[in-house]
Amino acid sequence: MMKISTHSWLPLQISPATVKNYLRRLEDFYLTFSIRPYSKNIKRSLLKAGKYYLYDWTRIKNKGPRFENYVACELKALVTLWGDASGSLGLGGKYFLVLSKP
C-alpha cells in the first residue's frame, strides 16, 4: 500500500490543494478513511501526514499492507461500535491510537 500524502504527488505536477480535495472526496464517498498520527506534542501531530486506508481492504495485493488495512478497518469498526453502544465516547470512530515503527 502506498502512503498517500499531499507531497507524494509532486512528481505528477498536481497541486497539494487538488490532492487534499481528491482525498476528501474519497472519504465523502466512503471509499477511504484517514487516521491522524498521535503525539503528545500537538504541533507535531498536526504537522505529520495522516494515513489513508481503504474500506475494501481486499483490493490490496501485498499481504503486509493488506493486513495493516484490515486491522485498521476492524479497529475503526470497534471504536464506532463502542461509541454507539455507550453513547458517552462521542468520538465517532475517529480517534484511536496507532503505533508505528520509528
C-alpha atoms as a PDB file:
ATOM      1  CA  MET A   1       0.000   0.000   0.000  1.00  0.00           C
ATOM      2  CA  MET A   2       1.389   3.354  -0.948  1.00  0.00           C
ATOM      3  CA  LYS A   3       1.387   6.005   1.715  1.00  0.00           C
ATOM      4  CA  ILE A   4      -0.570   8.902   0.286  1.00  0.00           C
ATOM      5  CA  SER A   5       0.240  12.450   1.250  1.00  0.00           C
ATOM      6  CA  THR A   6      -0.045  15.810  -0.424  1.00  0.00           C
ATOM      7  CA  HIS A   7       3.702  15.834  -1.123  1.00  0.00           C
ATOM      8  CA  SER A   8       3.891  12.342  -2.663  1.00  0.00           C
ATOM      9  CA  TRP A   9       2.025  13.603  -5.725  1.00  0.00           C
ATOM     10  CA  LEU A  10       4.510  16.369  -6.577  1.00  0.00           C
ATOM     11  CA  PRO A  11       6.155  14.439  -9.457  1.00  0.00           C
ATOM     12  CA  LEU A  12       2.736  14.343 -11.142  1.00  0.00           C
ATOM     13  CA  GLN A  13       2.551  18.154 -11.000  1.00  0.00           C
ATOM     14  CA  ILE A  14      -0.740  18.181  -9.113  1.00  0.00           C
ATOM     15  CA  SER A  15      -1.194  20.927  -6.573  1.00  0.00           C
ATOM     16  CA  PRO A  16      -1.470  19.919  -2.884  1.00  0.00           C
ATOM     17  CA  ALA A  17      -4.892  21.585  -2.702  1.00  0.00           C
ATOM     18  CA  THR A  18      -6.140  19.315  -5.504  1.00  0.00           C
ATOM     19  CA  VAL A  19      -4.776  16.223  -3.769  1.00  0.00           C
ATOM     20  CA  LYS A  20      -6.450  17.229  -0.494  1.00  0.00           C
ATOM     21  CA  ASN A  21      -9.702  17.754  -2.387  1.00  0.00           C
ATOM     22  CA  TYR A  22      -9.445  14.304  -4.036  1.00  0.00           C
ATOM     23  CA  LEU A  23      -8.729  12.618  -0.704  1.00  0.00           C
ATOM     24  CA  ARG A  24     -11.634  14.450   0.939  1.00  0.00           C
ATOM     25  CA  ARG A  25     -13.974  13.262  -1.841  1.00  0.00           C
ATOM     26  CA  LEU A  26     -12.795   9.672  -1.423  1.00  0.00           C
ATOM     27  CA  GLU A  27     -13.684   9.953   2.268  1.00  0.00           C
ATOM     28  CA  ASP A  28     -17.048  11.541   1.429  1.00  0.00           C
ATOM     29  CA  PHE A  29     -17.916   8.540  -0.771  1.00  0.00           C
ATOM     30  CA  TYR A  30     -16.807   6.106   1.966  1.00  0.00           C
ATOM     31  CA  LEU A  31     -14.024   4.624  -0.162  1.00  0.00           C
ATOM     32  CA  THR A  32     -11.253   5.582   2.267  1.00  0.00           C
ATOM     33  CA  PHE A  33     -10.800   6.813   5.806  1.00  0.00           C
ATOM     34  CA  SER A  34      -7.865   8.562   7.396  1.00  0.00           C
ATOM     35  CA  ILE A  35      -6.135   8.184  10.727  1.00  0.00           C
ATOM     36  CA  ARG A  36      -4.231  11.144  12.094  1.00  0.00           C
ATOM     37  CA  PRO A  37      -0.984  10.381  13.928  1.00  0.00           C
ATOM     38  CA  TYR A  38      -0.882  10.605  17.700  1.00  0.00           C
ATOM     39  CA  SER A  39       1.773  12.549  19.554  1.00  0.00           C
ATOM     40  CA  LYS A  40       1.951  14.176  22.958  1.00  0.00           C
ATOM     41  CA  ASN A  41       3.272  17.234  21.146  1.00  0.00           C
ATOM     42  CA  ILE A  42       0.164  18.726  19.496  1.00  0.00           C
ATOM     43  CA  LYS A  43       2.168  20.703  16.958  1.00  0.00           C
ATOM     44  CA  ARG A  44       3.955  17.576  15.743  1.00  0.00           C
ATOM     45  CA  SER A  45       0.713  15.615  15.421  1.00  0.00           C
ATOM     46  CA  LEU A  46      -0.825  18.401  13.343  1.00  0.00           C
ATOM     47  CA  LEU A  47       2.159  18.668  11.015  1.00  0.00           C
ATOM     48  CA  LYS A  48       2.554  14.951  10.315  1.00  0.00           C
ATOM     49  CA  ALA A  49       0.512  13.492   7.488  1.00  0.00           C
ATOM     50  CA  GLY A  50      -2.227  11.016   8.302  1.00  0.00           C
ATOM     51  CA  LYS A  51      -2.554   7.579   6.765  1.00  0.00           C
ATOM     52  CA  TYR A  52      -5.370   6.644   4.433  1.00  0.00           C
ATOM     53  CA  TYR A  53      -6.945   3.213   4.417  1.00  0.00           C
ATOM     54  CA  LEU A  54      -9.421   1.570   2.047  1.00  0.00           C
ATOM     55  CA  TYR A  55     -12.694   0.236   3.382  1.00  0.00           C
ATOM     56  CA  ASP A  56     -12.396  -2.539   0.786  1.00  0.00           C
ATOM     57  CA  TRP A  57      -9.102  -3.930   2.068  1.00  0.00           C
ATOM     58  CA  THR A  58      -9.323  -6.971  -0.256  1.00  0.00           C
ATOM     59  CA  ARG A  59      -8.188  -4.815  -3.201  1.00  0.00           C
ATOM     60  CA  ILE A  60      -4.663  -4.620  -1.794  1.00  0.00           C
ATOM     61  CA  LYS A  61      -2.355  -7.225  -3.321  1.00  0.00           C
ATOM     62  CA  ASN A  62       0.577  -7.288  -0.854  1.00  0.00           C
ATOM     63  CA  LYS A  63      -0.062  -9.324   2.289  1.00  0.00           C
ATOM     64  CA  GLY A  64       1.580  -6.930   4.781  1.00  0.00           C
ATOM     65  CA  PRO A  65      -0.240  -3.738   3.775  1.00  0.00           C
ATOM     66  CA  ARG A  66      -3.488  -5.704   3.305  1.00  0.00           C
ATOM     67  CA  PHE A  67      -3.250  -6.979   6.890  1.00  0.00           C
ATOM     68  CA  GLU A  68      -2.487  -3.466   8.184  1.00  0.00           C
ATOM     69  CA  ASN A  69      -5.512  -2.139   6.300  1.00  0.00           C
ATOM     70  CA  TYR A  70      -7.690  -4.975   7.639  1.00  0.00           C
ATOM     71  CA  VAL A  71      -6.636  -4.235  11.241  1.00  0.00           C
ATOM     72  CA  ALA A  72      -7.331  -0.517  10.741  1.00  0.00           C
ATOM     73  CA  CYS A  73     -10.823  -1.308   9.411  1.00  0.00           C
ATOM     74  CA  GLU A  74     -11.559  -3.618  12.343  1.00  0.00           C
ATOM     75  CA  LEU A  75     -10.326  -1.078  14.899  1.00  0.00           C
ATOM     76  CA  LYS A  76     -12.416   1.653  13.291  1.00  0.00           C
ATOM     77  CA  ALA A  77     -15.484  -0.596  13.394  1.00  0.00           C
ATOM     78  CA  LEU A  78     -14.904  -1.477  17.068  1.00  0.00           C
ATOM     79  CA  VAL A  79     -14.363   2.132  18.153  1.00  0.00           C
ATOM     80  CA  THR A  80     -17.510   3.179  16.263  1.00  0.00           C
ATOM     81  CA  LEU A  81     -19.459   0.330  17.875  1.00  0.00           C
ATOM     82  CA  TRP A  82     -18.224   1.250  21.354  1.00  0.00           C
ATOM     83  CA  GLY A  83     -19.191   4.866  20.802  1.00  0.00           C
ATOM     84  CA  ASP A  84     -22.635   3.946  19.512  1.00  0.00           C
ATOM     85  CA  ALA A  85     -23.264   1.403  22.273  1.00  0.00           C
ATOM     86  CA  SER A  86     -22.170   3.560  25.189  1.00  0.00           C
ATOM     87  CA  GLY A  87     -23.196   6.931  23.847  1.00  0.00           C
ATOM     88  CA  SER A  88     -20.566   8.503  26.055  1.00  0.00           C
ATOM     89  CA  LEU A  89     -17.443   8.351  23.917  1.00  0.00           C
ATOM     90  CA  GLY A  90     -18.545  10.974  21.461  1.00  0.00           C
ATOM     91  CA  LEU A  91     -15.571  10.167  19.243  1.00  0.00           C
ATOM     92  CA  GLY A  92     -17.484   8.994  16.213  1.00  0.00           C
ATOM     93  CA  GLY A  93     -14.862   6.349  15.467  1.00  0.00           C
ATOM     94  CA  LYS A  94     -12.245   8.902  14.533  1.00  0.00           C
ATOM     95  CA  TYR A  95      -9.728   8.682  17.357  1.00  0.00           C
ATOM     96  CA  PHE A  96      -7.733   5.673  18.297  1.00  0.00           C
ATOM     97  CA  LEU A  97      -4.063   5.172  18.908  1.00  0.00           C
ATOM     98  CA  VAL A  98      -1.993   3.860  16.026  1.00  0.00           C
ATOM     99  CA  LEU A  99       1.516   2.744  16.846  1.00  0.00           C
ATOM    100  CA  SER A 100       4.039   2.580  14.048  1.00  0.00           C
ATOM    101  CA  LYS A 101       7.698   1.747  13.747  1.00  0.00           C
ATOM    102  CA  PRO A 102      10.009   4.756  14.236  1.00  0.00           C
END
